[in-house]
């Protein structure tokens, strides 16, 4: 049985391109015509004129720009969670890295962007490159990945339709609507091709944390990815996207499989070694039976590579369990 019956098809590409519920139009006196306004994380973002230069912050915005074949617009990237996958990189193109973490305002302005595209609302703050209001005062527009507006708070569960709406908005902003529609079609097809597991497993999503594990909750990308792969999340009842789980609760959850997030600053190998040496965690069934699945960090934040994480889970668990 394939996943078609589990994947929502309620929003068609045409409806998405209309940006129903996520944009409006307002008169632009200078242009004399209606100019589209994208309502983005509580901030009105004019979609015109079409940006020609963009600085991305975090990996997910850069990867979406690359997936839409818009690398020529990227004049700077910062705070990357690792190198983009080779298949997204254009030939002979190098990522124009501005800073390993958040760039200073001087570096940002030197890149002369029209738009700053941030992966998290917290990337735009007074003690960093500036708030959205600060950027606006400097003549810069800003766009924040919509699924990242409510990090750490109780939020509506993230769905792939939210990812598709974001792809559509970015397509509108950069006059790449056809590319966005094609990418959404491709991702819908990939989702529908995920096979239902015969024996759904209980998964615990170990994202980071040493003194206290930071795990996937019930409303963010981990929940969406696990659910799309046909399995269940130990943290599904928790109302946050990610949350801190005391080691006692972590051990008591005793999942079938532990998902290890591989990040340069806290690798999957480091997490596994910590579990195998932890006085209590080493006795967990998944640890003793070496039931681990590894996913790349950049695929676990809301973005164009979430499909890749679903495929990784589905395929890796099939290898571990062997029941499909």
C-alpha atoms as a PDB file:
ATOM      1  CA  UNK A   1       0.000   0.000   0.000  1.00  0.00           C
ATOM      2  CA  UNK A   2       1.443   3.395  -0.925  1.00  0.00           C
ATOM      3  CA  UNK A   3       1.213   6.640   0.988  1.00  0.00           C
ATOM      4  CA  UNK A   4      -1.267   8.392  -1.302  1.00  0.00           C
ATOM      5  CA  UNK A   5      -4.160   7.871   1.094  1.00  0.00           C
ATOM      6  CA  UNK A   6      -2.180   9.474   3.916  1.00  0.00           C
ATOM      7  CA  UNK A   7      -0.904  12.540   2.064  1.00  0.00           C
ATOM      8  CA  UNK A   8      -3.135  15.583   2.002  1.00  0.00           C
ATOM      9  CA  UNK A   9      -4.053  16.813  -1.432  1.00  0.00           C
ATOM     10  CA  UNK A  10      -6.545  19.400  -0.270  1.00  0.00           C
ATOM     11  CA  UNK A  11      -4.560  22.380  -1.527  1.00  0.00           C
ATOM     12  CA  UNK A  12      -3.902  22.358  -5.240  1.00  0.00           C
ATOM     13  CA  UNK A  13      -0.947  24.137  -6.776  1.00  0.00           C
ATOM     14  CA  UNK A  14      -3.330  26.647  -8.295  1.00  0.00           C
ATOM     15  CA  UNK A  15      -4.743  27.505  -4.898  1.00  0.00           C
ATOM     16  CA  UNK A  16      -1.262  27.832  -3.483  1.00  0.00           C
ATOM     17  CA  UNK A  17      -0.251  30.172  -6.270  1.00  0.00           C
ATOM     18  CA  UNK A  18      -3.140  32.354  -5.234  1.00  0.00           C
ATOM     19  CA  UNK A  19      -1.540  32.557  -1.787  1.00  0.00           C
ATOM     20  CA  UNK A  20      -4.928  32.171  -0.178  1.00  0.00           C
ATOM     21  CA  UNK A  21      -4.757  33.262   3.431  1.00  0.00           C
ATOM     22  CA  UNK A  22      -1.089  34.250   3.300  1.00  0.00           C
ATOM     23  CA  UNK A  23      -0.997  37.381   1.153  1.00  0.00           C
ATOM     24  CA  UNK A  24      -2.998  40.387   0.177  1.00  0.00           C
ATOM     25  CA  UNK A  25      -2.788  43.230  -2.311  1.00  0.00           C
ATOM     26  CA  UNK A  26      -2.391  46.869  -1.593  1.00  0.00           C
ATOM     27  CA  UNK A  27      -2.144  49.886  -3.855  1.00  0.00           C
ATOM     28  CA  UNK A  28       1.363  51.023  -4.675  1.00  0.00           C
ATOM     29  CA  UNK A  29       1.104  54.775  -5.404  1.00  0.00           C
ATOM     30  CA  UNK A  30       4.519  54.821  -7.065  1.00  0.00           C
ATOM     31  CA  UNK A  31       3.648  52.057  -9.489  1.00  0.00           C
ATOM     32  CA  UNK A  32       0.018  53.047  -9.927  1.00  0.00           C
ATOM     33  CA  UNK A  33      -1.039  49.408  -9.705  1.00  0.00           C
ATOM     34  CA  UNK A  34      -1.810  46.807  -7.081  1.00  0.00           C
ATOM     35  CA  UNK A  35       1.350  45.449  -5.492  1.00  0.00           C
ATOM     36  CA  UNK A  36       1.294  42.050  -3.725  1.00  0.00           C
ATOM     37  CA  UNK A  37       1.981  42.019  -0.002  1.00  0.00           C
ATOM     38  CA  UNK A  38       3.075  38.779   1.657  1.00  0.00           C
ATOM     39  CA  UNK A  39       1.992  38.514   5.301  1.00  0.00           C
ATOM     40  CA  UNK A  40       5.090  36.912   6.800  1.00  0.00           C
ATOM     41  CA  UNK A  41       5.341  36.116  10.511  1.00  0.00           C
ATOM     42  CA  UNK A  42       3.192  39.127  11.397  1.00  0.00           C
ATOM     43  CA  UNK A  43       5.113  41.465   9.102  1.00  0.00           C
ATOM     44  CA  UNK A  44       3.958  42.852   5.755  1.00  0.00           C
ATOM     45  CA  UNK A  45       6.514  42.138   3.032  1.00  0.00           C
ATOM     46  CA  UNK A  46       6.113  43.868  -0.363  1.00  0.00           C
ATOM     47  CA  UNK A  47       6.743  41.299  -3.099  1.00  0.00           C
ATOM     48  CA  UNK A  48       7.678  43.978  -5.618  1.00  0.00           C
ATOM     49  CA  UNK A  49      10.040  44.934  -7.048  1.00  0.00           C
ATOM     50  CA  UNK A  50      11.359  41.410  -7.596  1.00  0.00           C
ATOM     51  CA  UNK A  51      14.538  41.023  -5.522  1.00  0.00           C
ATOM     52  CA  UNK A  52      17.762  40.600  -7.473  1.00  0.00           C
ATOM     53  CA  UNK A  53      20.126  40.098  -4.533  1.00  0.00           C
ATOM     54  CA  UNK A  54      19.465  37.977  -1.440  1.00  0.00           C
ATOM     55  CA  UNK A  55      21.397  37.050   1.688  1.00  0.00           C
ATOM     56  CA  UNK A  56      20.312  33.777   3.305  1.00  0.00           C
ATOM     57  CA  UNK A  57      20.721  32.929   6.978  1.00  0.00           C
ATOM     58  CA  UNK A  58      20.707  29.236   7.987  1.00  0.00           C
ATOM     59  CA  UNK A  59      20.804  26.303   5.587  1.00  0.00           C
ATOM     60  CA  UNK A  60      17.110  25.880   4.820  1.00  0.00           C
ATOM     61  CA  UNK A  61      16.715  29.255   3.014  1.00  0.00           C
ATOM     62  CA  UNK A  62      19.856  28.687   0.934  1.00  0.00           C
ATOM     63  CA  UNK A  63      18.776  25.167   0.016  1.00  0.00           C
ATOM     64  CA  UNK A  64      15.343  26.372  -1.064  1.00  0.00           C
ATOM     65  CA  UNK A  65      16.920  29.046  -3.271  1.00  0.00           C
ATOM     66  CA  UNK A  66      19.140  26.379  -4.832  1.00  0.00           C
ATOM     67  CA  UNK A  67      16.230  23.965  -5.327  1.00  0.00           C
ATOM     68  CA  UNK A  68      14.410  26.745  -7.196  1.00  0.00           C
ATOM     69  CA  UNK A  69      17.484  27.300  -9.391  1.00  0.00           C
ATOM     70  CA  UNK A  70      17.967  30.810  -7.999  1.00  0.00           C
ATOM     71  CA  UNK A  71      21.642  30.589  -7.044  1.00  0.00           C
ATOM     72  CA  UNK A  72      22.456  33.604  -9.220  1.00  0.00           C
ATOM     73  CA  UNK A  73      20.485  35.781  -6.781  1.00  0.00           C
ATOM     74  CA  UNK A  74      22.386  34.623  -3.672  1.00  0.00           C
ATOM     75  CA  UNK A  75      25.056  37.212  -2.852  1.00  0.00           C
ATOM     76  CA  UNK A  76      25.734  35.948   0.665  1.00  0.00           C
ATOM     77  CA  UNK A  77      24.988  33.067   3.020  1.00  0.00           C
ATOM     78  CA  UNK A  78      25.567  32.786   6.749  1.00  0.00           C
ATOM     79  CA  UNK A  79      25.040  30.517   9.753  1.00  0.00           C
ATOM     80  CA  UNK A  80      25.032  27.360   7.625  1.00  0.00           C
ATOM     81  CA  UNK A  81      24.372  24.022   9.328  1.00  0.00           C
ATOM     82  CA  UNK A  82      26.759  22.264   6.983  1.00  0.00           C
ATOM     83  CA  UNK A  83      27.542  22.272   3.255  1.00  0.00           C
ATOM     84  CA  UNK A  84      24.568  22.034   0.882  1.00  0.00           C
ATOM     85  CA  UNK A  85      24.195  18.656  -0.857  1.00  0.00           C
ATOM     86  CA  UNK A  86      26.143  18.377  -4.089  1.00  0.00           C
ATOM     87  CA  UNK A  87      23.014  17.683  -6.118  1.00  0.00           C
ATOM     88  CA  UNK A  88      21.670  21.155  -5.278  1.00  0.00           C
ATOM     89  CA  UNK A  89      24.853  23.043  -6.171  1.00  0.00           C
ATOM     90  CA  UNK A  90      25.161  24.454  -9.695  1.00  0.00           C
ATOM     91  CA  UNK A  91      28.347  23.520 -11.529  1.00  0.00           C
ATOM     92  CA  UNK A  92      31.274  25.856 -10.791  1.00  0.00           C
ATOM     93  CA  UNK A  93      29.262  27.782  -8.197  1.00  0.00           C
ATOM     94  CA  UNK A  94      30.589  28.332  -4.693  1.00  0.00           C
ATOM     95  CA  UNK A  95      28.493  29.358  -1.714  1.00  0.00           C
ATOM     96  CA  UNK A  96      29.308  33.043  -0.964  1.00  0.00           C
ATOM     97  CA  UNK A  97      29.746  32.610   2.799  1.00  0.00           C
ATOM     98  CA  UNK A  98      29.543  35.900   4.701  1.00  0.00           C
ATOM     99  CA  UNK A  99      30.051  34.480   8.182  1.00  0.00           C
ATOM    100  CA  UNK A 100      30.183  31.180  10.030  1.00  0.00           C
ATOM    101  CA  UNK A 101      27.435  32.456  12.318  1.00  0.00           C
ATOM    102  CA  UNK A 102      25.348  35.631  12.074  1.00  0.00           C
ATOM    103  CA  UNK A 103      27.081  38.285   9.964  1.00  0.00           C
ATOM    104  CA  UNK A 104      27.770  41.758  11.295  1.00  0.00           C
ATOM    105  CA  UNK A 105      25.757  44.616   9.867  1.00  0.00           C
ATOM    106  CA  UNK A 106      28.763  45.898   7.932  1.00  0.00           C
ATOM    107  CA  UNK A 107      29.237  42.533   6.214  1.00  0.00           C
ATOM    108  CA  UNK A 108      25.530  42.335   5.486  1.00  0.00           C
ATOM    109  CA  UNK A 109      25.357  45.809   3.962  1.00  0.00           C
ATOM    110  CA  UNK A 110      28.549  45.228   1.990  1.00  0.00           C
ATOM    111  CA  UNK A 111      26.781  42.392   0.157  1.00  0.00           C
ATOM    112  CA  UNK A 112      24.142  44.926  -0.956  1.00  0.00           C
ATOM    113  CA  UNK A 113      21.119  42.601  -0.693  1.00  0.00           C
ATOM    114  CA  UNK A 114      17.547  43.526  -1.556  1.00  0.00           C
ATOM    115  CA  UNK A 115      16.176  40.852   0.784  1.00  0.00           C
ATOM    116  CA  UNK A 116      17.382  38.920   3.829  1.00  0.00           C
ATOM    117  CA  UNK A 117      15.890  35.406   3.869  1.00  0.00           C
ATOM    118  CA  UNK A 118      16.181  33.933   7.389  1.00  0.00           C
ATOM    119  CA  UNK A 119      15.514  30.415   8.586  1.00  0.00           C
ATOM    120  CA  UNK A 120      14.414  31.493  12.075  1.00  0.00           C
ATOM    121  CA  UNK A 121      12.766  34.591  13.507  1.00  0.00           C
ATOM    122  CA  UNK A 122      15.556  34.695  16.108  1.00  0.00           C
ATOM    123  CA  UNK A 123      18.099  35.256  13.304  1.00  0.00           C
ATOM    124  CA  UNK A 124      16.804  38.816  13.046  1.00  0.00           C
ATOM    125  CA  UNK A 125      17.350  40.510  16.383  1.00  0.00           C
ATOM    126  CA  UNK A 126      18.539  43.812  17.814  1.00  0.00           C
ATOM    127  CA  UNK A 127      21.788  42.305  19.081  1.00  0.00           C
ATOM    128  CA  UNK A 128      22.511  40.640  15.722  1.00  0.00           C
ATOM    129  CA  UNK A 129      22.090  42.026  12.227  1.00  0.00           C
ATOM    130  CA  UNK A 130      18.990  43.889  13.359  1.00  0.00           C
ATOM    131  CA  UNK A 131      15.249  43.415  13.754  1.00  0.00           C
ATOM    132  CA  UNK A 132      12.957  43.442  10.765  1.00  0.00           C
ATOM    133  CA  UNK A 133      12.148  47.048  11.558  1.00  0.00           C
ATOM    134  CA  UNK A 134      15.891  47.841  11.670  1.00  0.00           C
ATOM    135  CA  UNK A 135      16.404  46.181   8.305  1.00  0.00           C
ATOM    136  CA  UNK A 136      13.456  48.064   6.860  1.00  0.00           C
ATOM    137  CA  UNK A 137      14.983  51.337   8.064  1.00  0.00           C
ATOM    138  CA  UNK A 138      18.139  50.324   6.163  1.00  0.00           C
ATOM    139  CA  UNK A 139      16.082  49.774   3.023  1.00  0.00           C
ATOM    140  CA  UNK A 140      16.136  45.977   3.254  1.00  0.00           C
ATOM    141  CA  UNK A 141      13.163  43.669   3.025  1.00  0.00           C
ATOM    142  CA  UNK A 142      13.166  40.456   5.071  1.00  0.00           C
ATOM    143  CA  UNK A 143      11.467  37.080   4.796  1.00  0.00           C
ATOM    144  CA  UNK A 144      11.413  34.423   7.531  1.00  0.00           C
ATOM    145  CA  UNK A 145      10.605  30.789   6.837  1.00  0.00           C
ATOM    146  CA  UNK A 146       6.971  30.730   8.083  1.00  0.00           C
ATOM    147  CA  UNK A 147       7.156  27.353   9.885  1.00  0.00           C
ATOM    148  CA  UNK A 148       9.917  28.821  12.079  1.00  0.00           C
ATOM    149  CA  UNK A 149       7.875  31.700  13.462  1.00  0.00           C
ATOM    150  CA  UNK A 150       6.754  29.871  16.599  1.00  0.00           C
ATOM    151  CA  UNK A 151       9.839  27.946  17.716  1.00  0.00           C
ATOM    152  CA  UNK A 152       9.538  26.524  21.233  1.00  0.00           C
ATOM    153  CA  UNK A 153       5.928  27.595  21.602  1.00  0.00           C
ATOM    154  CA  UNK A 154       2.683  25.712  21.382  1.00  0.00           C
ATOM    155  CA  UNK A 155       1.856  25.831  17.701  1.00  0.00           C
ATOM    156  CA  UNK A 156      -0.324  24.219  15.090  1.00  0.00           C
ATOM    157  CA  UNK A 157       1.256  20.964  13.912  1.00  0.00           C
ATOM    158  CA  UNK A 158       3.541  21.456  10.933  1.00  0.00           C
ATOM    159  CA  UNK A 159       2.288  19.797   7.744  1.00  0.00           C
ATOM    160  CA  UNK A 160       3.815  19.373   4.315  1.00  0.00           C
ATOM    161  CA  UNK A 161       1.147  21.741   3.016  1.00  0.00           C
ATOM    162  CA  UNK A 162       2.870  24.437   5.125  1.00  0.00           C
ATOM    163  CA  UNK A 163       6.175  23.624   3.417  1.00  0.00           C
ATOM    164  CA  UNK A 164       4.490  23.820   0.019  1.00  0.00           C
ATOM    165  CA  UNK A 165       2.924  27.193   0.866  1.00  0.00           C
ATOM    166  CA  UNK A 166       6.366  28.483   1.834  1.00  0.00           C
ATOM    167  CA  UNK A 167       7.837  27.242  -1.449  1.00  0.00           C
ATOM    168  CA  UNK A 168       5.009  29.005  -3.273  1.00  0.00           C
ATOM    169  CA  UNK A 169       5.538  32.280  -1.413  1.00  0.00           C
ATOM    170  CA  UNK A 170       9.248  32.227  -2.182  1.00  0.00           C
ATOM    171  CA  UNK A 171       8.406  31.506  -5.810  1.00  0.00           C
ATOM    172  CA  UNK A 172       6.137  34.550  -5.884  1.00  0.00           C
ATOM    173  CA  UNK A 173       8.689  36.760  -4.145  1.00  0.00           C
ATOM    174  CA  UNK A 174      11.420  35.867  -6.633  1.00  0.00           C
ATOM    175  CA  UNK A 175       9.169  35.620  -9.726  1.00  0.00           C
ATOM    176  CA  UNK A 176       9.798  31.878  -9.945  1.00  0.00           C
ATOM    177  CA  UNK A 177       6.213  30.620  -9.709  1.00  0.00           C
ATOM    178  CA  UNK A 178       6.630  27.921 -12.378  1.00  0.00           C
ATOM    179  CA  UNK A 179       9.741  26.530 -10.695  1.00  0.00           C
ATOM    180  CA  UNK A 180       7.959  26.515  -7.329  1.00  0.00           C
ATOM    181  CA  UNK A 181       4.961  24.670  -8.776  1.00  0.00           C
ATOM    182  CA  UNK A 182       7.226  22.072 -10.393  1.00  0.00           C
ATOM    183  CA  UNK A 183       9.127  21.551  -7.141  1.00  0.00           C
ATOM    184  CA  UNK A 184       5.879  21.086  -5.207  1.00  0.00           C
ATOM    185  CA  UNK A 185       4.675  18.520  -7.770  1.00  0.00           C
ATOM    186  CA  UNK A 186       7.962  16.658  -7.423  1.00  0.00           C
ATOM    187  CA  UNK A 187       7.722  16.607  -3.641  1.00  0.00           C
ATOM    188  CA  UNK A 188       4.083  15.473  -3.642  1.00  0.00           C
ATOM    189  CA  UNK A 189       5.041  12.593  -5.917  1.00  0.00           C
ATOM    190  CA  UNK A 190       7.912  11.624  -3.618  1.00  0.00           C
ATOM    191  CA  UNK A 191       5.590  11.660  -0.601  1.00  0.00           C
ATOM    192  CA  UNK A 192       3.001   9.529  -2.334  1.00  0.00           C
ATOM    193  CA  UNK A 193       5.725   7.016  -3.174  1.00  0.00           C
ATOM    194  CA  UNK A 194       6.606   6.289   0.473  1.00  0.00           C
ATOM    195  CA  UNK A 195       5.444   2.762   1.254  1.00  0.00           C
ATOM    196  CA  UNK A 196       3.397   2.044   4.373  1.00  0.00           C
ATOM    197  CA  UNK A 197       5.450  -0.032   6.842  1.00  0.00           C
ATOM    198  CA  UNK A 198       3.938  -3.364   7.811  1.00  0.00           C
ATOM    199  CA  UNK A 199       5.127  -2.906  11.400  1.00  0.00           C
ATOM    200  CA  UNK A 200       5.098   0.767  12.481  1.00  0.00           C
ATOM    201  CA  UNK A 201       7.837   1.499  14.998  1.00  0.00           C
ATOM    202  CA  UNK A 202       8.018   3.860  17.972  1.00  0.00           C
ATOM    203  CA  UNK A 203      10.744   6.439  17.421  1.00  0.00           C
ATOM    204  CA  UNK A 204      12.498   8.828  19.800  1.00  0.00           C
ATOM    205  CA  UNK A 205      14.027  11.818  17.989  1.00  0.00           C
ATOM    206  CA  UNK A 206      17.318  12.771  19.692  1.00  0.00           C
ATOM    207  CA  UNK A 207      18.249  16.161  18.245  1.00  0.00           C
ATOM    208  CA  UNK A 208      20.887  17.503  20.633  1.00  0.00           C
ATOM    209  CA  UNK A 209      21.769  17.985  24.290  1.00  0.00           C
ATOM    210  CA  UNK A 210      24.125  16.232  26.668  1.00  0.00           C
ATOM    211  CA  UNK A 211      23.103  17.122  30.210  1.00  0.00           C
ATOM    212  CA  UNK A 212      19.471  17.003  29.080  1.00  0.00           C
ATOM    213  CA  UNK A 213      18.429  15.544  25.708  1.00  0.00           C
ATOM    214  CA  UNK A 214      16.595  17.840  23.307  1.00  0.00           C
ATOM    215  CA  UNK A 215      14.037  15.749  21.436  1.00  0.00           C
ATOM    216  CA  UNK A 216      11.329  16.079  18.806  1.00  0.00           C
ATOM    217  CA  UNK A 217       7.899  17.103  20.055  1.00  0.00           C
ATOM    218  CA  UNK A 218       4.459  16.795  18.536  1.00  0.00           C
ATOM    219  CA  UNK A 219       4.140  19.912  16.378  1.00  0.00           C
ATOM    220  CA  UNK A 220       7.383  20.392  14.455  1.00  0.00           C
ATOM    221  CA  UNK A 221       9.361  18.896  11.603  1.00  0.00           C
ATOM    222  CA  UNK A 222      10.344  15.710  13.512  1.00  0.00           C
ATOM    223  CA  UNK A 223       6.686  14.810  14.089  1.00  0.00           C
ATOM    224  CA  UNK A 224       5.782  15.597  10.471  1.00  0.00           C
ATOM    225  CA  UNK A 225       8.685  13.512   9.137  1.00  0.00           C
ATOM    226  CA  UNK A 226       8.041  10.516  11.400  1.00  0.00           C
ATOM    227  CA  UNK A 227       4.317  10.547  10.615  1.00  0.00           C
ATOM    228  CA  UNK A 228       4.960  10.783   6.851  1.00  0.00           C
ATOM    229  CA  UNK A 229       7.226   7.729   7.094  1.00  0.00           C
ATOM    230  CA  UNK A 230       4.352   5.802   8.735  1.00  0.00           C
ATOM    231  CA  UNK A 231       5.802   5.507  12.239  1.00  0.00           C
ATOM    232  CA  UNK A 232       4.984   7.035  15.650  1.00  0.00           C
ATOM    233  CA  UNK A 233       6.839   9.611  17.693  1.00  0.00           C
ATOM    234  CA  UNK A 234       7.411   9.049  21.422  1.00  0.00           C
ATOM    235  CA  UNK A 235       7.131  12.828  21.888  1.00  0.00           C
ATOM    236  CA  UNK A 236       3.933  13.203  19.858  1.00  0.00           C
ATOM    237  CA  UNK A 237       1.825  14.297  22.834  1.00  0.00           C
ATOM    238  CA  UNK A 238       4.162  17.157  23.703  1.00  0.00           C
ATOM    239  CA  UNK A 239       2.789  20.502  22.403  1.00  0.00           C
ATOM    240  CA  UNK A 240       6.143  22.023  21.419  1.00  0.00           C
ATOM    241  CA  UNK A 241       8.200  21.522  18.278  1.00  0.00           C
ATOM    242  CA  UNK A 242      11.250  20.359  20.248  1.00  0.00           C
ATOM    243  CA  UNK A 243      11.596  20.056  24.019  1.00  0.00           C
ATOM    244  CA  UNK A 244      14.016  19.059  26.744  1.00  0.00           C
ATOM    245  CA  UNK A 245      13.415  15.532  28.069  1.00  0.00           C
ATOM    246  CA  UNK A 246      15.103  14.509  31.371  1.00  0.00           C
ATOM    247  CA  UNK A 247      17.323  11.456  31.045  1.00  0.00           C
ATOM    248  CA  UNK A 248      14.986   9.449  33.287  1.00  0.00           C
ATOM    249  CA  UNK A 249      12.056  10.071  30.949  1.00  0.00           C
ATOM    250  CA  UNK A 250      14.270   9.506  27.925  1.00  0.00           C
ATOM    251  CA  UNK A 251      15.284   6.077  29.223  1.00  0.00           C
ATOM    252  CA  UNK A 252      11.774   5.145  30.404  1.00  0.00           C
ATOM    253  CA  UNK A 253      10.332   5.858  26.947  1.00  0.00           C
ATOM    254  CA  UNK A 254      12.274   2.818  25.658  1.00  0.00           C
ATOM    255  CA  UNK A 255      11.457   3.299  21.925  1.00  0.00           C
ATOM    256  CA  UNK A 256      11.952   0.706  19.222  1.00  0.00           C
ATOM    257  CA  UNK A 257      14.346   3.004  17.353  1.00  0.00           C
ATOM    258  CA  UNK A 258      16.283   6.164  18.224  1.00  0.00           C
ATOM    259  CA  UNK A 259      16.723   8.826  15.538  1.00  0.00           C
ATOM    260  CA  UNK A 260      20.147  10.478  15.824  1.00  0.00           C
ATOM    261  CA  UNK A 261      20.468  13.918  14.249  1.00  0.00           C
ATOM    262  CA  UNK A 262      23.884  14.406  12.661  1.00  0.00           C
ATOM    263  CA  UNK A 263      25.161  17.969  13.064  1.00  0.00           C
ATOM    264  CA  UNK A 264      28.744  19.264  12.761  1.00  0.00           C
ATOM    265  CA  UNK A 265      28.643  20.578  16.339  1.00  0.00           C
ATOM    266  CA  UNK A 266      27.062  17.425  17.818  1.00  0.00           C
ATOM    267  CA  UNK A 267      27.441  14.452  15.529  1.00  0.00           C
ATOM    268  CA  UNK A 268      25.315  11.326  15.441  1.00  0.00           C
ATOM    269  CA  UNK A 269      28.424   9.373  16.457  1.00  0.00           C
ATOM    270  CA  UNK A 270      28.803  11.584  19.549  1.00  0.00           C
ATOM    271  CA  UNK A 271      25.166  11.005  20.508  1.00  0.00           C
ATOM    272  CA  UNK A 272      25.447   7.272  20.024  1.00  0.00           C
ATOM    273  CA  UNK A 273      28.607   7.113  22.136  1.00  0.00           C
ATOM    274  CA  UNK A 274      26.849   9.083  24.869  1.00  0.00           C
ATOM    275  CA  UNK A 275      23.909   6.674  24.866  1.00  0.00           C
ATOM    276  CA  UNK A 276      26.131   3.617  24.907  1.00  0.00           C
ATOM    277  CA  UNK A 277      28.156   4.950  27.838  1.00  0.00           C
ATOM    278  CA  UNK A 278      25.282   6.455  29.845  1.00  0.00           C
ATOM    279  CA  UNK A 279      24.657   4.423  32.996  1.00  0.00           C
ATOM    280  CA  UNK A 280      20.920   4.075  32.329  1.00  0.00           C
ATOM    281  CA  UNK A 281      20.536   4.731  28.605  1.00  0.00           C
ATOM    282  CA  UNK A 282      22.894   1.902  27.691  1.00  0.00           C
ATOM    283  CA  UNK A 283      20.207  -0.547  28.890  1.00  0.00           C
ATOM    284  CA  UNK A 284      17.522   0.805  26.533  1.00  0.00           C
ATOM    285  CA  UNK A 285      16.309  -1.788  24.042  1.00  0.00           C
ATOM    286  CA  UNK A 286      17.188   0.346  21.015  1.00  0.00           C
ATOM    287  CA  UNK A 287      20.709   0.946  22.335  1.00  0.00           C
ATOM    288  CA  UNK A 288      21.379  -2.689  23.158  1.00  0.00           C
ATOM    289  CA  UNK A 289      20.020  -3.828  19.773  1.00  0.00           C
ATOM    290  CA  UNK A 290      21.776  -0.976  17.914  1.00  0.00           C
ATOM    291  CA  UNK A 291      18.502   0.285  16.492  1.00  0.00           C
ATOM    292  CA  UNK A 292      19.574   3.731  15.319  1.00  0.00           C
ATOM    293  CA  UNK A 293      18.667   5.848  12.292  1.00  0.00           C
ATOM    294  CA  UNK A 294      20.808   8.841  11.339  1.00  0.00           C
ATOM    295  CA  UNK A 295      19.400  11.962   9.642  1.00  0.00           C
ATOM    296  CA  UNK A 296      21.278  15.072   8.549  1.00  0.00           C
ATOM    297  CA  UNK A 297      20.509  18.155  10.657  1.00  0.00           C
ATOM    298  CA  UNK A 298      19.670  20.342   7.660  1.00  0.00           C
ATOM    299  CA  UNK A 299      16.917  17.901   6.643  1.00  0.00           C
ATOM    300  CA  UNK A 300      15.227  18.191  10.031  1.00  0.00           C
ATOM    301  CA  UNK A 301      14.325  21.886  10.016  1.00  0.00           C
ATOM    302  CA  UNK A 302      11.268  22.908   8.019  1.00  0.00           C
ATOM    303  CA  UNK A 303      12.391  23.136   4.429  1.00  0.00           C
ATOM    304  CA  UNK A 304      12.833  21.645   1.018  1.00  0.00           C
ATOM    305  CA  UNK A 305      14.849  18.665   2.302  1.00  0.00           C
ATOM    306  CA  UNK A 306      12.239  17.313   4.728  1.00  0.00           C
ATOM    307  CA  UNK A 307      11.240  14.858   1.991  1.00  0.00           C
ATOM    308  CA  UNK A 308      14.793  13.526   2.095  1.00  0.00           C
ATOM    309  CA  UNK A 309      14.463  12.915   5.832  1.00  0.00           C
ATOM    310  CA  UNK A 310      11.206  10.989   5.308  1.00  0.00           C
ATOM    311  CA  UNK A 311      12.891   8.819   2.690  1.00  0.00           C
ATOM    312  CA  UNK A 312      15.882   8.236   4.972  1.00  0.00           C
ATOM    313  CA  UNK A 313      13.648   7.136   7.837  1.00  0.00           C
ATOM    314  CA  UNK A 314      11.509   4.878   5.671  1.00  0.00           C
ATOM    315  CA  UNK A 315      14.464   3.193   3.973  1.00  0.00           C
ATOM    316  CA  UNK A 316      16.653   2.889   7.080  1.00  0.00           C
ATOM    317  CA  UNK A 317      13.862   1.451   9.214  1.00  0.00           C
ATOM    318  CA  UNK A 318      13.051  -1.012   6.451  1.00  0.00           C
ATOM    319  CA  UNK A 319      16.671  -2.207   6.621  1.00  0.00           C
ATOM    320  CA  UNK A 320      16.546  -2.469  10.433  1.00  0.00           C
ATOM    321  CA  UNK A 321      13.161  -4.174  10.650  1.00  0.00           C
ATOM    322  CA  UNK A 322      13.009  -5.825   7.238  1.00  0.00           C
ATOM    323  CA  UNK A 323       9.227  -6.062   7.035  1.00  0.00           C
ATOM    324  CA  UNK A 324       8.335  -4.166   3.894  1.00  0.00           C
END
